Amino acid sequence: MPPQVVLQVDSPSDSFAPIRSPPPLFLPGRRDSSGIRLHYTATLRRFDAGIMELGLVYTPVMAIPPQETAFVLTGYCTDKCTQLALPPSGIHIFASQLHTHLTGRKVVTVLARDGREREVVNRDDHYSPHFQEIRMLKKIVSVHPGDVLITSCTYNTGDRKLATVGGFGILEEMCVNYVHYYPQTQLELCKSAVDPGFLQKYFHLVNRFNEEEVCTCPQASVPKQFASVPWNSFSRDVLRALYGFAPISMHCNKSSAVRFQGEWNRQPLPEIISKLEEPTPRCPASRVQSPTRPTVVSIGGSKS
């Protein structure tokens, strides 16, 4: 944390920190030594730090078809929200925690200004849901009113037979970046999701194209509707296109979970006219040729 910044503890005596971890394996001889180390000070710092959620709202309207190896979903913190909620001098991001569930493979957040992507806030091209950490940024990223923050997640659902919808369950999906910044503002959540009305138009279109009874009745849940989609090339391509052009519902929320005043439904996607170049892979293609015959190795014994 920058030396002029502190994360304030509101309670004068006690604080409660919920910890989420996978079920223990109860392996004999294993000792769990995980924990939290806190550094605290009574010295007043110049700035209080804040934590803001970027990315996608936890909702089933954002879904990944089955048998996909690199399906991308994107969430937006729009210029309208940052213009309204950030102070004139802006904020400064110094740390970031990327987060998906089990099918996430890549996460990136980019800052855009005046329609042009300017810099990467944080990215992980080899993301694992089993290793998540709060990373200090090598360079502090300043976000000004009117800027856009774009968070994209790439998923692999190659081993699934049904669509994976967004939600809180571990078999559902998320696309989030928890950014740590200063000075603290009222803005705690700046996320988006596709407009639900346009998603219903997608279900109706797939129904007509396939001449099948995809459930589009109002009382059916979105997960049930996705479960009835026949996943052919048409339904996949149209869903991908829908997420790329349909208007979004913005969540520009205070810490009280109340949205900032304004119209946030059916908002247009931010217009990006210039994108950053994709980074060159650091690992060159392997030149080692595969053996002509398999090598059998006996663990604990001799090589044969």
C-alpha atoms as a PDB file:
ATOM      1  CA  MET A   1       0.000   0.000   0.000  1.00  0.00           C
ATOM      2  CA  PRO A   2       1.369   3.479  -0.806  1.00  0.00           C
ATOM      3  CA  PRO A   3       2.833   5.146   2.294  1.00  0.00           C
ATOM      4  CA  GLN A   4       0.288   7.989   2.210  1.00  0.00           C
ATOM      5  CA  VAL A   5      -2.696   5.592   2.151  1.00  0.00           C
ATOM      6  CA  VAL A   6      -4.438   3.528   4.820  1.00  0.00           C
ATOM      7  CA  LEU A   7      -7.441   1.185   4.824  1.00  0.00           C
ATOM      8  CA  GLN A   8      -9.562   2.466   7.664  1.00  0.00           C
ATOM      9  CA  VAL A   9     -11.039   0.118  10.278  1.00  0.00           C
ATOM     10  CA  ASP A  10     -14.356   1.560  11.391  1.00  0.00           C
ATOM     11  CA  SER A  11     -14.715  -0.283  14.685  1.00  0.00           C
ATOM     12  CA  PRO A  12     -12.610   0.997  17.618  1.00  0.00           C
ATOM     13  CA  SER A  13     -12.242  -2.502  19.086  1.00  0.00           C
ATOM     14  CA  ASP A  14     -13.397  -5.414  16.907  1.00  0.00           C
ATOM     15  CA  SER A  15     -13.472  -6.198  13.183  1.00  0.00           C
ATOM     16  CA  PHE A  16     -15.015  -9.182  11.399  1.00  0.00           C
ATOM     17  CA  ALA A  17     -13.419 -10.654   8.268  1.00  0.00           C
ATOM     18  CA  PRO A  18     -15.267 -13.583   6.619  1.00  0.00           C
ATOM     19  CA  ILE A  19     -12.919 -16.079   4.959  1.00  0.00           C
ATOM     20  CA  ARG A  20     -14.044 -18.269   2.086  1.00  0.00           C
ATOM     21  CA  SER A  21     -12.132 -21.471   1.374  1.00  0.00           C
ATOM     22  CA  PRO A  22     -12.791 -24.807  -0.332  1.00  0.00           C
ATOM     23  CA  PRO A  23     -13.889 -27.780   1.817  1.00  0.00           C
ATOM     24  CA  PRO A  24     -10.962 -29.336   3.718  1.00  0.00           C
ATOM     25  CA  LEU A  25      -9.606 -32.612   2.419  1.00  0.00           C
ATOM     26  CA  PHE A  26      -8.694 -33.930   5.890  1.00  0.00           C
ATOM     27  CA  LEU A  27      -5.506 -35.519   4.570  1.00  0.00           C
ATOM     28  CA  PRO A  28      -3.515 -37.340   7.266  1.00  0.00           C
ATOM     29  CA  GLY A  29      -0.377 -35.476   8.240  1.00  0.00           C
ATOM     30  CA  ARG A  30      -1.438 -32.243   6.559  1.00  0.00           C
ATOM     31  CA  ARG A  31      -1.448 -29.062   8.615  1.00  0.00           C
ATOM     32  CA  ASP A  32      -3.287 -25.930   7.535  1.00  0.00           C
ATOM     33  CA  SER A  33      -1.089 -22.953   8.378  1.00  0.00           C
ATOM     34  CA  SER A  34      -2.951 -20.370   6.295  1.00  0.00           C
ATOM     35  CA  GLY A  35      -4.010 -17.106   7.908  1.00  0.00           C
ATOM     36  CA  ILE A  36      -3.985 -13.328   7.685  1.00  0.00           C
ATOM     37  CA  ARG A  37      -1.237 -10.960   8.744  1.00  0.00           C
ATOM     38  CA  LEU A  38      -2.433  -7.440   9.556  1.00  0.00           C
ATOM     39  CA  HIS A  39      -0.233  -4.369   9.759  1.00  0.00           C
ATOM     40  CA  TYR A  40      -1.887  -1.512  11.612  1.00  0.00           C
ATOM     41  CA  THR A  41      -0.997   2.013  12.627  1.00  0.00           C
ATOM     42  CA  ALA A  42      -2.526   4.733  14.773  1.00  0.00           C
ATOM     43  CA  THR A  43      -0.803   7.377  12.666  1.00  0.00           C
ATOM     44  CA  LEU A  44      -3.212   9.314  10.493  1.00  0.00           C
ATOM     45  CA  ARG A  45      -2.486   9.014   6.773  1.00  0.00           C
ATOM     46  CA  ARG A  46      -3.398  11.545   4.102  1.00  0.00           C
ATOM     47  CA  PHE A  47      -5.771   9.289   2.154  1.00  0.00           C
ATOM     48  CA  ASP A  48      -8.244   6.545   3.021  1.00  0.00           C
ATOM     49  CA  ALA A  49      -8.210   3.628   0.586  1.00  0.00           C
ATOM     50  CA  GLY A  50     -11.358   2.231  -1.045  1.00  0.00           C
ATOM     51  CA  ILE A  51     -12.234  -1.028  -2.816  1.00  0.00           C
ATOM     52  CA  MET A  52     -14.369  -0.979  -5.949  1.00  0.00           C
ATOM     53  CA  GLU A  53     -15.901  -3.855  -7.944  1.00  0.00           C
ATOM     54  CA  LEU A  54     -15.511  -3.763 -11.726  1.00  0.00           C
ATOM     55  CA  GLY A  55     -16.762  -6.223 -14.334  1.00  0.00           C
ATOM     56  CA  LEU A  56     -20.046  -8.101 -14.651  1.00  0.00           C
ATOM     57  CA  VAL A  57     -23.080  -8.133 -12.379  1.00  0.00           C
ATOM     58  CA  TYR A  58     -23.735 -11.535 -10.753  1.00  0.00           C
ATOM     59  CA  THR A  59     -26.646 -12.464 -13.005  1.00  0.00           C
ATOM     60  CA  PRO A  60     -27.597 -15.429 -15.235  1.00  0.00           C
ATOM     61  CA  VAL A  61     -28.215 -13.162 -18.253  1.00  0.00           C
ATOM     62  CA  MET A  62     -24.466 -13.403 -18.896  1.00  0.00           C
ATOM     63  CA  ALA A  63     -23.756 -16.994 -19.961  1.00  0.00           C
ATOM     64  CA  ILE A  64     -21.148 -19.140 -21.686  1.00  0.00           C
ATOM     65  CA  PRO A  65     -22.291 -21.896 -24.067  1.00  0.00           C
ATOM     66  CA  PRO A  66     -20.987 -25.424 -23.418  1.00  0.00           C
ATOM     67  CA  GLN A  67     -18.001 -26.846 -25.308  1.00  0.00           C
ATOM     68  CA  GLU A  68     -16.326 -23.445 -25.703  1.00  0.00           C
ATOM     69  CA  THR A  69     -12.554 -23.105 -25.352  1.00  0.00           C
ATOM     70  CA  ALA A  70     -12.188 -19.296 -25.342  1.00  0.00           C
ATOM     71  CA  PHE A  71     -15.543 -17.530 -24.900  1.00  0.00           C
ATOM     72  CA  VAL A  72     -15.225 -13.882 -23.821  1.00  0.00           C
ATOM     73  CA  LEU A  73     -17.607 -11.894 -21.630  1.00  0.00           C
ATOM     74  CA  THR A  74     -17.050  -8.185 -20.940  1.00  0.00           C
ATOM     75  CA  GLY A  75     -18.286  -5.852 -18.229  1.00  0.00           C
ATOM     76  CA  TYR A  76     -18.139  -2.062 -18.275  1.00  0.00           C
ATOM     77  CA  CYS A  77     -17.701   0.803 -15.851  1.00  0.00           C
ATOM     78  CA  THR A  78     -18.981   3.515 -18.162  1.00  0.00           C
ATOM     79  CA  ASP A  79     -17.951   7.124 -18.629  1.00  0.00           C
ATOM     80  CA  LYS A  80     -21.388   8.197 -17.414  1.00  0.00           C
ATOM     81  CA  CYS A  81     -20.804   6.509 -14.052  1.00  0.00           C
ATOM     82  CA  THR A  82     -17.243   7.750 -13.533  1.00  0.00           C
ATOM     83  CA  GLN A  83     -18.259  11.269 -14.606  1.00  0.00           C
ATOM     84  CA  LEU A  84     -20.965  11.308 -11.967  1.00  0.00           C
ATOM     85  CA  ALA A  85     -19.304   9.405  -9.113  1.00  0.00           C
ATOM     86  CA  LEU A  86     -15.591  10.261  -9.169  1.00  0.00           C
ATOM     87  CA  PRO A  87     -14.073  13.447  -7.739  1.00  0.00           C
ATOM     88  CA  PRO A  88     -12.709  16.058 -10.202  1.00  0.00           C
ATOM     89  CA  SER A  89      -9.134  15.020  -9.375  1.00  0.00           C
ATOM     90  CA  GLY A  90      -9.931  11.345 -10.050  1.00  0.00           C
ATOM     91  CA  ILE A  91      -8.766   8.255  -8.186  1.00  0.00           C
ATOM     92  CA  HIS A  92      -5.562   6.201  -8.241  1.00  0.00           C
ATOM     93  CA  ILE A  93      -5.595   2.391  -8.437  1.00  0.00           C
ATOM     94  CA  PHE A  94      -2.635   0.746  -6.691  1.00  0.00           C
ATOM     95  CA  ALA A  95      -3.742  -2.900  -6.332  1.00  0.00           C
ATOM     96  CA  SER A  96      -6.115  -5.372  -7.974  1.00  0.00           C
ATOM     97  CA  GLN A  97      -7.649  -8.805  -7.414  1.00  0.00           C
ATOM     98  CA  LEU A  98      -8.992 -10.600 -10.477  1.00  0.00           C
ATOM     99  CA  HIS A  99     -11.761 -13.136  -9.887  1.00  0.00           C
ATOM    100  CA  THR A 100     -13.723 -15.795 -11.768  1.00  0.00           C
ATOM    101  CA  HIS A 101     -14.993 -19.253 -10.870  1.00  0.00           C
ATOM    102  CA  LEU A 102     -13.904 -22.616 -12.294  1.00  0.00           C
ATOM    103  CA  THR A 103     -14.040 -21.988 -16.063  1.00  0.00           C
ATOM    104  CA  GLY A 104     -12.111 -18.687 -16.065  1.00  0.00           C
ATOM    105  CA  ARG A 105      -8.821 -18.796 -17.983  1.00  0.00           C
ATOM    106  CA  LYS A 106      -7.914 -15.150 -18.661  1.00  0.00           C
ATOM    107  CA  VAL A 107      -8.897 -11.780 -17.098  1.00  0.00           C
ATOM    108  CA  VAL A 108      -7.949  -8.250 -18.093  1.00  0.00           C
ATOM    109  CA  THR A 109      -9.078  -4.732 -17.147  1.00  0.00           C
ATOM    110  CA  VAL A 110      -8.251  -1.846 -19.478  1.00  0.00           C
ATOM    111  CA  LEU A 111      -8.682   1.902 -18.980  1.00  0.00           C
ATOM    112  CA  ALA A 112     -10.113   3.849 -21.936  1.00  0.00           C
ATOM    113  CA  ARG A 113     -10.320   7.617 -22.395  1.00  0.00           C
ATOM    114  CA  ASP A 114     -11.934   9.569 -25.247  1.00  0.00           C
ATOM    115  CA  GLY A 115     -12.757   6.324 -27.054  1.00  0.00           C
ATOM    116  CA  ARG A 116      -9.212   4.968 -26.946  1.00  0.00           C
ATOM    117  CA  GLU A 117      -7.762   2.258 -24.763  1.00  0.00           C
ATOM    118  CA  ARG A 118      -4.893   3.883 -22.872  1.00  0.00           C
ATOM    119  CA  GLU A 119      -3.406   1.328 -20.477  1.00  0.00           C
ATOM    120  CA  VAL A 120      -3.897  -2.024 -18.817  1.00  0.00           C
ATOM    121  CA  VAL A 121      -4.916  -1.892 -15.166  1.00  0.00           C
ATOM    122  CA  ASN A 122      -4.236  -5.584 -14.560  1.00  0.00           C
ATOM    123  CA  ARG A 123      -4.193  -8.734 -16.640  1.00  0.00           C
ATOM    124  CA  ASP A 124      -3.574 -12.436 -16.202  1.00  0.00           C
ATOM    125  CA  ASP A 125      -3.335 -14.461 -19.405  1.00  0.00           C
ATOM    126  CA  HIS A 126      -2.816 -17.680 -17.416  1.00  0.00           C
ATOM    127  CA  TYR A 127      -5.453 -17.182 -14.767  1.00  0.00           C
ATOM    128  CA  SER A 128      -6.306 -19.991 -12.357  1.00  0.00           C
ATOM    129  CA  PRO A 129      -9.336 -19.820 -10.026  1.00  0.00           C
ATOM    130  CA  HIS A 130      -7.259 -21.845  -7.559  1.00  0.00           C
ATOM    131  CA  PHE A 131      -4.675 -19.086  -7.165  1.00  0.00           C
ATOM    132  CA  GLN A 132      -6.137 -15.674  -6.497  1.00  0.00           C
ATOM    133  CA  GLU A 133      -4.230 -12.822  -4.913  1.00  0.00           C
ATOM    134  CA  ILE A 134      -4.341  -9.095  -4.408  1.00  0.00           C
ATOM    135  CA  ARG A 135      -1.545  -7.822  -6.628  1.00  0.00           C
ATOM    136  CA  MET A 136       0.214  -4.526  -6.105  1.00  0.00           C
ATOM    137  CA  LEU A 137       0.416  -2.771  -9.474  1.00  0.00           C
ATOM    138  CA  LYS A 138       3.864  -1.963 -10.831  1.00  0.00           C
ATOM    139  CA  LYS A 139       2.482   1.428 -11.874  1.00  0.00           C
ATOM    140  CA  ILE A 140      -0.377   3.329 -10.234  1.00  0.00           C
ATOM    141  CA  VAL A 141      -3.252   3.848 -12.696  1.00  0.00           C
ATOM    142  CA  SER A 142      -5.125   7.165 -12.472  1.00  0.00           C
ATOM    143  CA  VAL A 143      -8.806   7.169 -13.403  1.00  0.00           C
ATOM    144  CA  HIS A 144     -10.482  10.494 -14.182  1.00  0.00           C
ATOM    145  CA  PRO A 145     -14.159  11.436 -14.476  1.00  0.00           C
ATOM    146  CA  GLY A 146     -15.386  10.346 -17.900  1.00  0.00           C
ATOM    147  CA  ASP A 147     -12.962   7.427 -18.198  1.00  0.00           C
ATOM    148  CA  VAL A 148     -14.147   3.881 -18.984  1.00  0.00           C
ATOM    149  CA  LEU A 149     -12.932   0.706 -17.274  1.00  0.00           C
ATOM    150  CA  ILE A 150     -13.421  -2.462 -19.342  1.00  0.00           C
ATOM    151  CA  THR A 151     -13.061  -5.901 -17.740  1.00  0.00           C
ATOM    152  CA  SER A 152     -13.018  -8.983 -19.986  1.00  0.00           C
ATOM    153  CA  CYS A 153     -12.910 -12.638 -18.946  1.00  0.00           C
ATOM    154  CA  THR A 154     -12.148 -15.630 -21.155  1.00  0.00           C
ATOM    155  CA  TYR A 155     -13.735 -18.982 -20.273  1.00  0.00           C
ATOM    156  CA  ASN A 156     -13.236 -22.634 -21.174  1.00  0.00           C
ATOM    157  CA  THR A 157     -16.373 -24.786 -20.871  1.00  0.00           C
ATOM    158  CA  GLY A 158     -15.034 -27.667 -22.932  1.00  0.00           C
ATOM    159  CA  ASP A 159     -16.037 -30.238 -20.314  1.00  0.00           C
ATOM    160  CA  ARG A 160     -19.614 -28.990 -19.811  1.00  0.00           C
ATOM    161  CA  LYS A 161     -22.823 -30.095 -21.501  1.00  0.00           C
ATOM    162  CA  LEU A 162     -25.035 -27.167 -20.467  1.00  0.00           C
ATOM    163  CA  ALA A 163     -24.617 -23.407 -20.577  1.00  0.00           C
ATOM    164  CA  THR A 164     -22.758 -21.878 -17.641  1.00  0.00           C
ATOM    165  CA  VAL A 165     -24.677 -18.865 -16.337  1.00  0.00           C
ATOM    166  CA  GLY A 166     -23.512 -16.049 -14.130  1.00  0.00           C
ATOM    167  CA  GLY A 167     -24.186 -16.276 -10.403  1.00  0.00           C
ATOM    168  CA  PHE A 168     -22.799 -16.922  -6.939  1.00  0.00           C
ATOM    169  CA  GLY A 169     -22.515 -20.736  -7.139  1.00  0.00           C
ATOM    170  CA  ILE A 170     -19.089 -22.234  -7.788  1.00  0.00           C
ATOM    171  CA  LEU A 171     -20.440 -23.947 -10.947  1.00  0.00           C
ATOM    172  CA  GLU A 172     -21.813 -20.597 -12.103  1.00  0.00           C
ATOM    173  CA  GLU A 173     -19.497 -17.837 -13.256  1.00  0.00           C
ATOM    174  CA  MET A 174     -18.236 -14.390 -12.339  1.00  0.00           C
ATOM    175  CA  CYS A 175     -16.041 -11.769 -14.013  1.00  0.00           C
ATOM    176  CA  VAL A 176     -14.771  -9.294 -11.447  1.00  0.00           C
ATOM    177  CA  ASN A 177     -11.826  -7.079 -10.660  1.00  0.00           C
ATOM    178  CA  TYR A 178     -11.669  -5.772  -7.093  1.00  0.00           C
ATOM    179  CA  VAL A 179      -9.516  -2.663  -7.429  1.00  0.00           C
ATOM    180  CA  HIS A 180      -7.891  -0.973  -4.423  1.00  0.00           C
ATOM    181  CA  TYR A 181      -7.575   2.771  -4.857  1.00  0.00           C
ATOM    182  CA  TYR A 182      -7.377   6.169  -3.180  1.00  0.00           C
ATOM    183  CA  PRO A 183      -8.884   8.533  -2.201  1.00  0.00           C
ATOM    184  CA  GLN A 184     -12.003   6.662  -1.110  1.00  0.00           C
ATOM    185  CA  THR A 185     -15.265   7.681  -2.805  1.00  0.00           C
ATOM    186  CA  GLN A 186     -18.905   6.690  -2.505  1.00  0.00           C
ATOM    187  CA  LEU A 187     -18.629   4.544  -5.648  1.00  0.00           C
ATOM    188  CA  GLU A 188     -18.264   0.900  -4.600  1.00  0.00           C
ATOM    189  CA  LEU A 189     -19.639  -1.035  -7.563  1.00  0.00           C
ATOM    190  CA  CYS A 190     -19.366  -0.166 -11.262  1.00  0.00           C
ATOM    191  CA  LYS A 191     -20.526  -3.160 -13.316  1.00  0.00           C
ATOM    192  CA  SER A 192     -22.833  -4.076 -16.165  1.00  0.00           C
ATOM    193  CA  ALA A 193     -24.909  -6.853 -17.732  1.00  0.00           C
ATOM    194  CA  VAL A 194     -26.729  -7.223 -21.030  1.00  0.00           C
ATOM    195  CA  ASP A 195     -30.203  -5.714 -21.155  1.00  0.00           C
ATOM    196  CA  PRO A 196     -32.681  -8.497 -20.202  1.00  0.00           C
ATOM    197  CA  GLY A 197     -35.161  -7.453 -22.901  1.00  0.00           C
ATOM    198  CA  PHE A 198     -32.578  -7.968 -25.653  1.00  0.00           C
ATOM    199  CA  LEU A 199     -31.705 -11.360 -24.222  1.00  0.00           C
ATOM    200  CA  GLN A 200     -35.361 -12.391 -24.529  1.00  0.00           C
ATOM    201  CA  LYS A 201     -35.232 -11.351 -28.191  1.00  0.00           C
ATOM    202  CA  TYR A 202     -32.272 -13.720 -28.555  1.00  0.00           C
ATOM    203  CA  PHE A 203     -34.276 -16.645 -27.130  1.00  0.00           C
ATOM    204  CA  HIS A 204     -37.172 -15.910 -29.494  1.00  0.00           C
ATOM    205  CA  LEU A 205     -34.808 -15.717 -32.502  1.00  0.00           C
ATOM    206  CA  VAL A 206     -33.143 -19.029 -31.657  1.00  0.00           C
ATOM    207  CA  ASN A 207     -36.590 -20.572 -31.235  1.00  0.00           C
ATOM    208  CA  ARG A 208     -37.725 -19.459 -34.688  1.00  0.00           C
ATOM    209  CA  PHE A 209     -34.481 -20.425 -36.425  1.00  0.00           C
ATOM    210  CA  ASN A 210     -34.391 -23.942 -35.008  1.00  0.00           C
ATOM    211  CA  GLU A 211     -38.169 -24.462 -35.170  1.00  0.00           C
ATOM    212  CA  GLU A 212     -37.935 -25.887 -31.678  1.00  0.00           C
ATOM    213  CA  GLU A 213     -39.714 -25.094 -28.477  1.00  0.00           C
ATOM    214  CA  VAL A 214     -37.081 -23.092 -26.632  1.00  0.00           C
ATOM    215  CA  CYS A 215     -38.790 -22.039 -23.430  1.00  0.00           C
ATOM    216  CA  THR A 216     -39.529 -18.290 -23.704  1.00  0.00           C
ATOM    217  CA  CYS A 217     -42.532 -18.097 -21.382  1.00  0.00           C
ATOM    218  CA  PRO A 218     -42.325 -15.198 -18.927  1.00  0.00           C
ATOM    219  CA  GLN A 219     -42.450 -17.413 -15.850  1.00  0.00           C
ATOM    220  CA  ALA A 220     -39.405 -19.455 -16.924  1.00  0.00           C
ATOM    221  CA  SER A 221     -36.094 -18.493 -15.354  1.00  0.00           C
ATOM    222  CA  VAL A 222     -33.180 -17.388 -17.509  1.00  0.00           C
ATOM    223  CA  PRO A 223     -31.108 -20.470 -16.525  1.00  0.00           C
ATOM    224  CA  LYS A 224     -34.001 -22.688 -17.666  1.00  0.00           C
ATOM    225  CA  GLN A 225     -34.199 -20.818 -20.961  1.00  0.00           C
ATOM    226  CA  PHE A 226     -30.462 -21.229 -21.542  1.00  0.00           C
ATOM    227  CA  ALA A 227     -30.734 -24.934 -20.669  1.00  0.00           C
ATOM    228  CA  SER A 228     -33.235 -25.418 -23.504  1.00  0.00           C
ATOM    229  CA  VAL A 229     -31.114 -23.731 -26.203  1.00  0.00           C
ATOM    230  CA  PRO A 230     -29.830 -26.121 -28.908  1.00  0.00           C
ATOM    231  CA  TRP A 231     -26.143 -25.174 -29.051  1.00  0.00           C
ATOM    232  CA  ASN A 232     -25.322 -25.124 -32.737  1.00  0.00           C
ATOM    233  CA  SER A 233     -23.104 -22.625 -34.590  1.00  0.00           C
ATOM    234  CA  PHE A 234     -26.033 -20.233 -35.089  1.00  0.00           C
ATOM    235  CA  SER A 235     -27.056 -19.984 -31.448  1.00  0.00           C
ATOM    236  CA  ARG A 236     -23.424 -19.614 -30.362  1.00  0.00           C
ATOM    237  CA  ASP A 237     -22.525 -16.921 -32.890  1.00  0.00           C
ATOM    238  CA  VAL A 238     -25.685 -14.915 -32.242  1.00  0.00           C
ATOM    239  CA  LEU A 239     -25.155 -14.961 -28.477  1.00  0.00           C
ATOM    240  CA  ARG A 240     -21.575 -13.791 -28.947  1.00  0.00           C
ATOM    241  CA  ALA A 241     -22.794 -11.020 -31.259  1.00  0.00           C
ATOM    242  CA  LEU A 242     -25.572 -10.040 -28.846  1.00  0.00           C
ATOM    243  CA  TYR A 243     -23.074  -9.458 -26.043  1.00  0.00           C
ATOM    244  CA  GLY A 244     -21.029  -7.350 -28.457  1.00  0.00           C
ATOM    245  CA  PHE A 245     -23.715  -4.864 -29.509  1.00  0.00           C
ATOM    246  CA  ALA A 246     -26.791  -5.001 -27.232  1.00  0.00           C
ATOM    247  CA  PRO A 247     -27.361  -2.204 -24.703  1.00  0.00           C
ATOM    248  CA  ILE A 248     -26.439  -2.831 -21.101  1.00  0.00           C
ATOM    249  CA  SER A 249     -27.921  -2.348 -17.664  1.00  0.00           C
ATOM    250  CA  MET A 250     -25.419  -0.405 -15.547  1.00  0.00           C
ATOM    251  CA  HIS A 251     -24.934  -0.795 -11.813  1.00  0.00           C
ATOM    252  CA  CYS A 252     -23.350   2.446 -10.634  1.00  0.00           C
ATOM    253  CA  ASN A 253     -23.761   1.834  -6.907  1.00  0.00           C
ATOM    254  CA  LYS A 254     -22.839   3.366  -3.587  1.00  0.00           C
ATOM    255  CA  SER A 255     -21.734   1.217  -0.637  1.00  0.00           C
ATOM    256  CA  SER A 256     -25.358   1.250   0.529  1.00  0.00           C
ATOM    257  CA  ALA A 257     -26.226  -0.737  -2.665  1.00  0.00           C
ATOM    258  CA  VAL A 258     -28.225   2.279  -3.892  1.00  0.00           C
ATOM    259  CA  ARG A 259     -27.491   3.427  -7.431  1.00  0.00           C
ATOM    260  CA  PHE A 260     -26.363   6.942  -8.110  1.00  0.00           C
ATOM    261  CA  GLN A 261     -29.199   9.049  -9.459  1.00  0.00           C
ATOM    262  CA  GLY A 262     -29.679   8.700 -13.191  1.00  0.00           C
ATOM    263  CA  GLU A 263     -30.969   6.445 -15.961  1.00  0.00           C
ATOM    264  CA  TRP A 264     -28.945   3.231 -16.024  1.00  0.00           C
ATOM    265  CA  ASN A 265     -31.086   0.817 -18.057  1.00  0.00           C
ATOM    266  CA  ARG A 266     -30.606   0.223 -21.794  1.00  0.00           C
ATOM    267  CA  GLN A 267     -27.367   2.170 -21.912  1.00  0.00           C
ATOM    268  CA  PRO A 268     -25.261   1.996 -25.092  1.00  0.00           C
ATOM    269  CA  LEU A 269     -21.958   0.161 -25.021  1.00  0.00           C
ATOM    270  CA  PRO A 270     -18.957   2.499 -24.754  1.00  0.00           C
ATOM    271  CA  GLU A 271     -17.591   3.282 -28.199  1.00  0.00           C
ATOM    272  CA  ILE A 272     -13.949   2.225 -28.466  1.00  0.00           C
ATOM    273  CA  ILE A 273     -12.252   3.360 -31.680  1.00  0.00           C
ATOM    274  CA  SER A 274      -8.718   2.302 -30.805  1.00  0.00           C
ATOM    275  CA  LYS A 275      -7.568  -0.760 -28.860  1.00  0.00           C
ATOM    276  CA  LEU A 276      -4.260  -1.687 -27.293  1.00  0.00           C
ATOM    277  CA  GLU A 277      -2.181  -4.338 -29.006  1.00  0.00           C
ATOM    278  CA  GLU A 278      -2.291  -7.805 -27.518  1.00  0.00           C
ATOM    279  CA  PRO A 279       0.951  -8.641 -25.699  1.00  0.00           C
ATOM    280  CA  THR A 280       3.421 -10.960 -27.404  1.00  0.00           C
ATOM    281  CA  PRO A 281       3.562 -14.348 -25.671  1.00  0.00           C
ATOM    282  CA  ARG A 282       6.701 -14.620 -23.552  1.00  0.00           C
ATOM    283  CA  CYS A 283       6.985 -18.382 -23.935  1.00  0.00           C
ATOM    284  CA  PRO A 284       8.237 -19.373 -27.427  1.00  0.00           C
ATOM    285  CA  ALA A 285       6.791 -22.418 -29.122  1.00  0.00           C
ATOM    286  CA  SER A 286       8.569 -25.549 -27.990  1.00  0.00           C
ATOM    287  CA  ARG A 287      11.025 -26.974 -30.512  1.00  0.00           C
ATOM    288  CA  VAL A 288      11.356 -30.236 -28.641  1.00  0.00           C
ATOM    289  CA  GLN A 289      10.024 -33.036 -30.795  1.00  0.00           C
ATOM    290  CA  SER A 290       7.715 -35.623 -29.311  1.00  0.00           C
ATOM    291  CA  PRO A 291       9.317 -39.045 -28.758  1.00  0.00           C
ATOM    292  CA  THR A 292       8.555 -41.599 -31.442  1.00  0.00           C
ATOM    293  CA  ARG A 293       7.508 -44.108 -28.807  1.00  0.00           C
ATOM    294  CA  PRO A 294       6.024 -43.605 -25.355  1.00  0.00           C
ATOM    295  CA  THR A 295       8.331 -43.745 -22.347  1.00  0.00           C
ATOM    296  CA  VAL A 296       7.036 -45.794 -19.444  1.00  0.00           C
ATOM    297  CA  VAL A 297       8.135 -44.652 -16.008  1.00  0.00           C
ATOM    298  CA  SER A 298       7.583 -46.723 -12.891  1.00  0.00           C
ATOM    299  CA  ILE A 299       7.163 -44.441  -9.897  1.00  0.00           C
ATOM    300  CA  GLY A 300       9.492 -45.576  -7.152  1.00  0.00           C
ATOM    301  CA  GLY A 301      11.065 -48.161  -9.373  1.00  0.00           C
ATOM    302  CA  SER A 302      13.351 -48.385 -12.359  1.00  0.00           C
ATOM    303  CA  LYS A 303      12.801 -46.799 -15.753  1.00  0.00           C
ATOM    304  CA  SER A 304      11.759 -49.222 -18.451  1.00  0.00           C
END
